[in-house]
């Protein structure tokens, strides 16, 4: 019961936050100049004021703001994210169509950043004054400081143009023939550069935090006691110290999930990756408000669920988190 109540409380807060995000996104987009009527008029080569007004009436844009907002909230609560003006299909279908590509990119990049970041942090913490530790620190700071789109462009120039090891853009090569494994290998080949680009900045964060956390844990009394008992250094580091040092890293990974999703927009644009980021960019250019709102709402939902899952993982890793709640 002590475990379930804090989780139920956080779910309640998450629902309230989603509604607040929904209202804020809708308000911000409607404060921006222009709407879908202007876009349709521009696409058709121009239109007079009466035609534009009729378009607004057809799409319900002539109604007061609060009525549009209440209708939109009601539709979302009924699991209806609206209809795309630009793509002429339900927004939910568009998101579900692009979602697998974005999830593949984001989850792979997050896993890579966590594994490599933790290993680099542990490696540098075992010998904090050695040359390897300084190299890891330099690479971490460089990865954190470099803009993600700049890193992506450099990787494209180096490993797609100068040394053609990986594809330039896209997710699949339509000329590839074969079964499941051939297709999977082709997708994996297209995935390498986008994943490295997206993971670079978060790898830097995780390695620095893991290093600092490991240094603190390695200086604690119970670690010194374990060493005094004659336990092997590898067992002390990975079995005793690392488990307690992972809590802040897992917390940061959950908090940074929103940054991973937003970073995917830039990465997908650079590599023409057919995910939600590319869809969002095209919808913004077309002023397709329902699609933009749907993507923003879905992104907020994913981030909030990610934070809830992070809280659950922390309670499993460190039972003291649950006792403090």
Protein backbone atom coordinates (compact mmCIF):
# COMPACT_ATOMS: atom_id res chain seq x y z
CA UNK A 1 0.00 0.00 0.00
CA UNK A 2 2.87 2.36 0.81
CA UNK A 3 4.20 1.68 -2.68
CA UNK A 4 0.89 2.13 -4.54
CA UNK A 5 -0.26 5.40 -2.98
CA UNK A 6 2.69 7.55 -4.19
CA UNK A 7 2.32 6.04 -7.67
CA UNK A 8 -1.42 6.85 -7.75
CA UNK A 9 -0.62 10.36 -6.55
CA UNK A 10 1.92 10.83 -9.34
CA UNK A 11 -0.56 9.52 -11.93
CA UNK A 12 -3.09 12.11 -10.76
CA UNK A 13 -0.47 14.86 -11.06
CA UNK A 14 0.48 13.55 -14.51
CA UNK A 15 -3.13 13.81 -15.76
CA UNK A 16 -3.41 17.35 -14.41
CA UNK A 17 -0.12 18.25 -16.08
CA UNK A 18 -1.28 16.82 -19.41
CA UNK A 19 -4.43 18.95 -19.31
CA UNK A 20 -2.33 22.03 -18.49
CA UNK A 21 0.01 21.24 -21.40
CA UNK A 22 -3.00 20.81 -23.66
CA UNK A 23 -4.40 24.24 -22.75
CA UNK A 24 -1.00 25.93 -22.99
CA UNK A 25 -0.15 24.46 -26.40
CA UNK A 26 -3.57 25.36 -27.81
CA UNK A 27 -3.31 28.91 -26.46
CA UNK A 28 0.25 29.48 -27.73
CA UNK A 29 -0.55 28.27 -31.26
CA UNK A 30 -3.66 30.41 -31.49
CA UNK A 31 -1.72 33.48 -30.36
CA UNK A 32 0.68 33.01 -33.29
CA UNK A 33 -0.13 35.03 -36.42
CA UNK A 34 -1.79 33.28 -39.34
CA UNK A 35 -3.82 30.10 -39.56
CA UNK A 36 -4.75 27.31 -41.96
CA UNK A 37 -6.99 29.66 -43.97
CA UNK A 38 -3.99 31.82 -44.88
CA UNK A 39 -2.03 28.71 -45.86
CA UNK A 40 -4.82 27.42 -48.11
CA UNK A 41 -5.16 30.85 -49.71
CA UNK A 42 -1.40 31.03 -50.37
CA UNK A 43 -1.32 27.50 -51.79
CA UNK A 44 -4.14 28.37 -54.23
CA UNK A 45 -2.37 31.51 -55.41
CA UNK A 46 -4.36 33.97 -53.30
CA UNK A 47 -7.96 34.57 -52.26
CA UNK A 48 -10.16 37.50 -51.31
CA UNK A 49 -11.35 38.24 -47.80
CA UNK A 50 -14.74 36.53 -48.29
CA UNK A 51 -13.18 33.24 -49.36
CA UNK A 52 -10.72 33.28 -46.44
CA UNK A 53 -13.57 34.02 -44.04
CA UNK A 54 -15.57 31.10 -45.47
CA UNK A 55 -12.57 28.77 -45.02
CA UNK A 56 -12.29 29.85 -41.37
CA UNK A 57 -16.01 29.19 -40.92
CA UNK A 58 -15.75 25.73 -42.51
CA UNK A 59 -12.97 24.76 -40.08
CA UNK A 60 -14.62 26.37 -37.05
CA UNK A 61 -11.95 29.04 -36.72
CA UNK A 62 -14.57 31.81 -36.59
CA UNK A 63 -15.83 30.64 -33.19
CA UNK A 64 -14.65 32.26 -29.93
CA UNK A 65 -11.37 30.99 -28.53
CA UNK A 66 -12.84 29.35 -25.42
CA UNK A 67 -15.35 27.37 -27.50
CA UNK A 68 -12.58 26.08 -29.77
CA UNK A 69 -10.53 25.16 -26.69
CA UNK A 70 -13.38 23.32 -24.96
CA UNK A 71 -14.21 21.41 -28.13
CA UNK A 72 -10.58 20.43 -28.58
CA UNK A 73 -10.20 19.24 -24.97
CA UNK A 74 -13.40 17.22 -25.33
CA UNK A 75 -12.12 15.61 -28.53
CA UNK A 76 -8.77 14.74 -26.94
CA UNK A 77 -10.53 13.17 -23.94
CA UNK A 78 -12.43 11.08 -26.48
CA UNK A 79 -9.06 10.03 -27.99
CA UNK A 80 -9.58 12.19 -31.07
CA UNK A 81 -6.62 14.45 -31.87
CA UNK A 82 -8.39 16.03 -34.82
CA UNK A 83 -8.03 15.95 -38.59
CA UNK A 84 -4.97 17.16 -40.45
CA UNK A 85 -5.71 20.02 -42.83
CA UNK A 86 -2.51 19.48 -44.79
CA UNK A 87 -2.38 15.66 -44.99
CA UNK A 88 -6.17 15.20 -45.07
CA UNK A 89 -6.21 12.31 -42.62
CA UNK A 90 -6.68 11.82 -38.87
CA UNK A 91 -3.81 13.16 -36.76
CA UNK A 92 -3.79 9.97 -34.67
CA UNK A 93 -3.15 7.90 -37.81
CA UNK A 94 -0.31 10.23 -38.83
CA UNK A 95 1.34 9.96 -35.41
CA UNK A 96 0.98 6.19 -35.25
CA UNK A 97 2.45 5.94 -38.76
CA UNK A 98 5.57 7.97 -37.85
CA UNK A 99 5.89 6.81 -34.23
CA UNK A 100 7.85 3.55 -34.77
CA UNK A 101 10.71 5.36 -36.54
CA UNK A 102 11.03 7.97 -33.78
CA UNK A 103 10.80 5.40 -30.99
CA UNK A 104 13.46 3.28 -32.66
CA UNK A 105 15.78 6.29 -32.88
CA UNK A 106 15.11 7.71 -29.41
CA UNK A 107 15.18 4.44 -27.45
CA UNK A 108 18.30 3.16 -29.22
CA UNK A 109 20.11 6.47 -28.62
CA UNK A 110 19.07 6.54 -24.96
CA UNK A 111 20.22 2.96 -24.35
CA UNK A 112 23.53 3.59 -26.11
CA UNK A 113 24.12 6.81 -24.15
CA UNK A 114 23.31 5.12 -20.82
CA UNK A 115 25.47 2.03 -21.36
CA UNK A 116 28.51 3.82 -22.79
CA UNK A 117 28.14 6.79 -20.43
CA UNK A 118 28.00 4.59 -17.33
CA UNK A 119 30.97 2.49 -18.47
CA UNK A 120 33.04 5.59 -19.21
CA UNK A 121 32.07 7.08 -15.86
CA UNK A 122 33.06 3.93 -13.96
CA UNK A 123 36.29 3.64 -15.95
CA UNK A 124 37.36 7.22 -15.23
CA UNK A 125 36.29 7.04 -11.56
CA UNK A 126 38.53 4.02 -10.89
CA UNK A 127 41.58 6.15 -11.74
CA UNK A 128 40.41 9.79 -11.45
CA UNK A 129 43.87 11.31 -11.88
CA UNK A 130 44.98 9.18 -14.81
CA UNK A 131 45.30 10.18 -18.45
CA UNK A 132 42.27 8.11 -19.45
CA UNK A 133 40.11 10.03 -16.99
CA UNK A 134 41.13 13.35 -18.53
CA UNK A 135 40.46 12.02 -22.03
CA UNK A 136 36.96 10.89 -20.98
CA UNK A 137 36.32 14.30 -19.39
CA UNK A 138 37.45 16.12 -22.55
CA UNK A 139 35.30 13.96 -24.81
CA UNK A 140 32.31 14.39 -22.49
CA UNK A 141 32.64 18.19 -22.47
CA UNK A 142 33.11 18.25 -26.26
CA UNK A 143 30.04 16.10 -26.80
CA UNK A 144 27.97 18.27 -24.47
CA UNK A 145 29.10 21.55 -26.06
CA UNK A 146 28.67 20.50 -29.71
CA UNK A 147 25.21 21.26 -31.19
CA UNK A 148 23.46 18.07 -32.20
CA UNK A 149 22.80 19.24 -35.77
CA UNK A 150 26.48 20.22 -36.17
CA UNK A 151 27.59 16.79 -35.00
CA UNK A 152 25.17 15.17 -37.44
CA UNK A 153 26.42 17.21 -40.39
CA UNK A 154 30.05 16.39 -39.55
CA UNK A 155 29.26 12.68 -39.33
CA UNK A 156 27.43 12.84 -42.66
CA UNK A 157 30.39 14.54 -44.35
CA UNK A 158 32.91 12.16 -42.81
CA UNK A 159 31.17 8.78 -43.04
CA UNK A 160 28.66 9.22 -45.85
CA UNK A 161 30.41 11.51 -48.33
CA UNK A 162 34.18 11.28 -47.73
CA UNK A 163 34.17 7.68 -46.50
CA UNK A 164 30.90 6.15 -47.81
CA UNK A 165 30.29 3.65 -45.03
CA UNK A 166 26.73 4.66 -44.13
CA UNK A 167 23.70 5.95 -46.08
CA UNK A 168 23.22 9.70 -46.42
CA UNK A 169 19.55 9.90 -45.49
CA UNK A 170 16.33 8.02 -44.92
CA UNK A 171 15.48 4.88 -42.99
CA UNK A 172 15.40 2.20 -45.69
CA UNK A 173 16.85 1.56 -49.11
CA UNK A 174 14.04 0.62 -51.49
CA UNK A 175 16.48 -1.22 -53.73
CA UNK A 176 17.43 -3.73 -51.02
CA UNK A 177 15.94 -7.15 -51.64
CA UNK A 178 15.61 -10.03 -49.25
CA UNK A 179 13.71 -11.15 -46.21
CA UNK A 180 13.39 -9.88 -42.66
CA UNK A 181 17.10 -10.01 -41.80
CA UNK A 182 18.12 -8.11 -44.94
CA UNK A 183 15.59 -5.37 -44.14
CA UNK A 184 16.67 -5.25 -40.50
CA UNK A 185 20.32 -4.95 -41.48
CA UNK A 186 19.46 -2.12 -43.89
CA UNK A 187 17.54 -0.21 -41.19
CA UNK A 188 20.39 -0.77 -38.71
CA UNK A 189 22.85 0.66 -41.23
CA UNK A 190 20.70 3.78 -41.69
CA UNK A 191 20.31 4.03 -37.91
CA UNK A 192 24.01 4.21 -36.98
CA UNK A 193 24.78 7.89 -37.66
CA UNK A 194 21.47 9.33 -36.32
CA UNK A 195 21.82 7.30 -33.11
CA UNK A 196 25.43 8.36 -32.53
CA UNK A 197 24.46 11.98 -33.18
CA UNK A 198 21.53 11.96 -30.77
CA UNK A 199 23.36 9.93 -28.12
CA UNK A 200 26.50 12.10 -28.10
CA UNK A 201 25.23 14.92 -25.92
CA UNK A 202 23.47 12.62 -23.42
CA UNK A 203 26.43 10.27 -23.26
CA UNK A 204 28.48 13.25 -22.08
CA UNK A 205 25.99 14.03 -19.31
CA UNK A 206 25.70 10.45 -18.09
CA UNK A 207 29.46 9.83 -18.07
CA UNK A 208 30.17 12.99 -16.05
CA UNK A 209 27.40 12.31 -13.55
CA UNK A 210 28.32 8.62 -13.19
CA UNK A 211 31.96 9.57 -12.61
CA UNK A 212 31.05 12.05 -9.86
CA UNK A 213 28.60 9.62 -8.25
CA UNK A 214 31.09 6.73 -8.37
CA UNK A 215 33.83 8.86 -6.79
CA UNK A 216 31.48 9.69 -3.92
CA UNK A 217 30.39 6.08 -3.43
CA UNK A 218 33.92 4.67 -3.69
CA UNK A 219 34.94 6.92 -0.79
CA UNK A 220 32.16 5.66 1.50
CA UNK A 221 32.72 3.47 4.57
CA UNK A 222 31.01 0.32 3.29
CA UNK A 223 33.18 0.26 0.16
CA UNK A 224 36.33 0.58 2.26
CA UNK A 225 35.01 -2.25 4.46
CA UNK A 226 34.40 -4.43 1.41
CA UNK A 227 37.95 -3.80 0.21
CA UNK A 228 39.31 -4.57 3.70
CA UNK A 229 37.55 -7.94 3.61
CA UNK A 230 39.62 -8.84 0.56
CA UNK A 231 36.93 -8.64 -2.12
CA UNK A 232 38.17 -8.22 -5.67
CA UNK A 233 38.15 -4.68 -6.99
CA UNK A 234 35.87 -5.61 -9.88
CA UNK A 235 33.33 -7.09 -7.46
CA UNK A 236 33.49 -4.03 -5.20
CA UNK A 237 33.02 -1.61 -8.10
CA UNK A 238 30.31 -3.36 -10.10
CA UNK A 239 28.44 -5.29 -7.41
CA UNK A 240 28.49 -2.85 -4.48
CA UNK A 241 29.40 0.65 -5.62
CA UNK A 242 27.76 0.88 -9.04
CA UNK A 243 24.29 -0.10 -7.80
CA UNK A 244 24.18 2.89 -5.44
CA UNK A 245 25.83 5.21 -7.94
CA UNK A 246 23.21 4.51 -10.62
CA UNK A 247 20.32 6.32 -8.89
CA UNK A 248 21.27 9.87 -9.97
CA UNK A 249 22.06 8.63 -13.50
CA UNK A 250 18.65 6.97 -13.85
CA UNK A 251 16.98 10.11 -12.48
CA UNK A 252 18.80 12.28 -15.01
CA UNK A 253 17.89 9.87 -17.83
CA UNK A 254 14.21 10.26 -16.97
CA UNK A 255 14.44 14.04 -16.74
CA UNK A 256 16.40 14.23 -20.00
CA UNK A 257 13.86 12.17 -21.92
CA UNK A 258 12.10 15.36 -23.04
CA UNK A 259 15.42 16.65 -24.36
CA UNK A 260 15.94 13.39 -26.24
CA UNK A 261 12.54 13.76 -27.91
CA UNK A 262 13.19 17.41 -28.83
CA UNK A 263 16.71 16.57 -30.01
CA UNK A 264 15.21 13.92 -32.29
CA UNK A 265 13.49 16.72 -34.24
CA UNK A 266 16.86 18.18 -35.28
CA UNK A 267 18.44 14.77 -35.91
CA UNK A 268 15.51 13.59 -38.04
CA UNK A 269 15.72 16.80 -40.07
CA UNK A 270 19.46 16.41 -40.71
CA UNK A 271 19.20 12.75 -41.69
CA UNK A 272 15.72 12.90 -43.30
CA UNK A 273 14.59 10.29 -40.80
CA UNK A 274 10.85 9.61 -41.38
CA UNK A 275 9.67 10.15 -37.81
CA UNK A 276 7.63 12.59 -35.73
CA UNK A 277 10.35 15.24 -35.93
CA UNK A 278 10.12 15.43 -39.71
CA UNK A 279 6.33 15.39 -39.49
CA UNK A 280 6.41 18.25 -36.97
CA UNK A 281 8.69 20.37 -39.18
CA UNK A 282 6.49 19.86 -42.24
CA UNK A 283 3.36 20.63 -40.21
CA UNK A 284 4.86 23.85 -38.87
CA UNK A 285 5.76 24.99 -42.39
CA UNK A 286 2.20 24.16 -43.54
CA UNK A 287 0.65 25.73 -40.40
CA UNK A 288 -1.24 22.47 -39.85
CA UNK A 289 -2.42 23.33 -36.33
CA UNK A 290 -4.19 20.01 -35.46
CA UNK A 291 -1.10 17.99 -36.39
CA UNK A 292 1.23 20.29 -34.44
CA UNK A 293 -1.03 20.14 -31.39
CA UNK A 294 -1.27 16.35 -31.69
CA UNK A 295 2.51 15.95 -31.83
CA UNK A 296 3.05 18.32 -28.90
CA UNK A 297 0.44 16.53 -26.80
CA UNK A 298 1.81 13.10 -27.66
CA UNK A 299 5.38 14.24 -26.89
CA UNK A 300 4.27 15.56 -23.50
CA UNK A 301 2.48 12.27 -22.83
CA UNK A 302 5.61 10.26 -23.67
CA UNK A 303 7.79 12.46 -21.45
CA UNK A 304 5.40 12.24 -18.49
CA UNK A 305 5.09 8.46 -18.83
CA UNK A 306 8.89 8.26 -19.08
CA UNK A 307 9.22 10.17 -15.81
CA UNK A 308 6.73 7.84 -14.11
CA UNK A 309 8.65 4.80 -15.31
CA UNK A 310 11.86 6.42 -14.07
CA UNK A 311 10.31 6.77 -10.62
CA UNK A 312 9.36 3.08 -10.66
CA UNK A 313 12.87 2.03 -11.71
CA UNK A 314 14.39 4.17 -8.96
CA UNK A 315 12.20 2.48 -6.37
CA UNK A 316 13.36 -0.91 -7.62
CA UNK A 317 17.04 0.08 -7.65
CA UNK A 318 17.01 1.91 -4.31
CA UNK A 319 14.22 0.96 -1.85
CA UNK A 320 15.11 4.06 0.21
CA UNK A 321 13.37 6.18 -2.45
CA UNK A 322 10.07 4.49 -1.69
CA UNK A 323 10.51 4.84 2.06
CA UNK A 324 10.99 8.60 1.71
CA UNK A 325 7.82 9.10 -0.30
